[in-house]
Amino acid sequence: MTASERTEAGIEATYEETDAERLLVFDRDGRTAAIAQNREGYAMLKVRPTPDGDELERYYGFDMALDHAAELLGVTPDQLPIPASAEDMGM
């Protein structure tokens, strides 16, 4: 498992690779949003309210998934800190 973190403006981002998927989780004041992609990194991105929550939507592009995650947290997408290891998510 690979993991990295980045925090900016009160938003913590954690990226990890599990046996099944790549997972980017944002936490802001107890509110969470998660973006998941298969381990190989070629499938659509799934946005969830929590890392193990039900899928809310799927996106091809990382930008669209970030927009949705930001909406769940009540911030703008440019406020989300992205760990370097997660920058290549999306198709």
Protein backbone atom coordinates (compact mmCIF):
# COMPACT_ATOMS: atom_id res chain seq x y z
CA MET A 1 0.00 0.00 0.00
CA THR A 2 1.23 3.46 -0.92
CA ALA A 3 0.00 6.50 1.02
CA SER A 4 0.56 10.25 0.97
CA GLU A 5 -1.06 13.28 2.55
CA ARG A 6 -1.37 16.98 1.90
CA THR A 7 -3.16 19.66 3.93
CA GLU A 8 -4.07 23.20 2.91
CA ALA A 9 -6.61 25.74 4.16
CA GLY A 10 -8.10 23.31 6.67
CA ILE A 11 -8.64 20.53 4.13
CA GLU A 12 -6.73 17.28 4.57
CA ALA A 13 -6.21 15.07 1.52
CA THR A 14 -5.07 11.48 1.89
CA TYR A 15 -4.13 9.29 -1.07
CA GLU A 16 -3.60 5.56 -0.82
CA GLU A 17 -3.37 2.56 -3.07
CA THR A 18 -5.02 -0.59 -1.80
CA ASP A 19 -5.09 -4.04 -3.38
CA ALA A 20 -8.25 -3.04 -5.28
CA GLU A 21 -8.15 0.71 -5.94
CA ARG A 22 -6.54 4.10 -5.79
CA LEU A 23 -8.33 6.26 -3.22
CA LEU A 24 -8.18 10.01 -2.64
CA VAL A 25 -10.05 11.16 0.46
CA PHE A 26 -10.70 14.76 1.51
CA ASP A 27 -11.66 15.77 5.05
CA ARG A 28 -12.83 19.24 6.04
CA ASP A 29 -14.23 19.81 9.51
CA GLY A 30 -15.55 16.25 9.71
CA ARG A 31 -17.13 16.33 6.24
CA THR A 32 -15.60 13.88 3.78
CA ALA A 33 -15.52 13.18 0.07
CA ALA A 34 -13.71 10.33 -1.65
CA ILE A 35 -12.59 9.72 -5.22
CA ALA A 36 -11.78 6.12 -6.17
CA GLN A 37 -10.33 4.52 -9.29
CA ASN A 38 -9.35 0.95 -10.05
CA ARG A 39 -5.80 -0.04 -9.17
CA GLU A 40 -4.67 -0.02 -12.82
CA GLY A 41 -5.76 3.62 -13.15
CA TYR A 42 -7.75 3.37 -16.37
CA ALA A 43 -11.39 3.17 -15.21
CA MET A 44 -13.83 5.96 -14.49
CA LEU A 45 -13.52 7.79 -11.19
CA LYS A 46 -16.15 7.12 -8.54
CA VAL A 47 -17.17 9.87 -6.13
CA ARG A 48 -18.37 8.73 -2.71
CA PRO A 49 -19.34 10.63 0.44
CA THR A 50 -16.88 8.48 2.43
CA PRO A 51 -14.08 6.06 1.47
CA ASP A 52 -16.37 3.05 1.88
CA GLY A 53 -19.67 4.78 1.10
CA ASP A 54 -22.00 4.19 -1.81
CA GLU A 55 -20.99 5.60 -5.17
CA LEU A 56 -22.72 8.91 -5.93
CA GLU A 57 -21.49 9.45 -9.50
CA ARG A 58 -18.84 8.37 -12.03
CA TYR A 59 -16.65 10.65 -14.11
CA TYR A 60 -14.07 10.20 -16.86
CA GLY A 61 -12.15 13.32 -15.92
CA PHE A 62 -10.38 14.14 -12.68
CA ASP A 63 -11.56 17.76 -12.89
CA MET A 64 -15.22 16.73 -12.85
CA ALA A 65 -14.66 14.37 -9.92
CA LEU A 66 -12.87 17.15 -8.03
CA ASP A 67 -15.80 19.51 -8.74
CA HIS A 68 -18.19 17.02 -7.15
CA ALA A 69 -15.90 16.36 -4.17
CA ALA A 70 -15.55 20.10 -3.59
CA GLU A 71 -19.32 20.48 -3.69
CA LEU A 72 -19.69 17.79 -1.01
CA LEU A 73 -17.24 19.71 1.19
CA GLY A 74 -18.70 23.15 0.50
CA VAL A 75 -15.53 24.55 -1.08
CA THR A 76 -14.31 25.38 -4.57
CA PRO A 77 -12.25 22.81 -6.51
CA ASP A 78 -9.15 25.01 -6.44
CA GLN A 79 -9.14 24.79 -2.63
CA LEU A 80 -8.65 21.01 -2.67
CA PRO A 81 -5.05 19.99 -1.96
CA ILE A 82 -3.93 17.17 -4.27
CA PRO A 83 -1.07 14.92 -3.15
CA ALA A 84 1.47 14.52 -5.97
CA SER A 85 0.83 10.78 -6.19
CA ALA A 86 -2.85 11.44 -7.04
CA GLU A 87 -2.32 14.06 -9.75
CA ASP A 88 -2.59 11.52 -12.59
CA MET A 89 -6.01 10.13 -11.63
CA GLY A 90 -8.67 10.08 -14.35
CA MET A 91 -8.74 8.92 -17.92
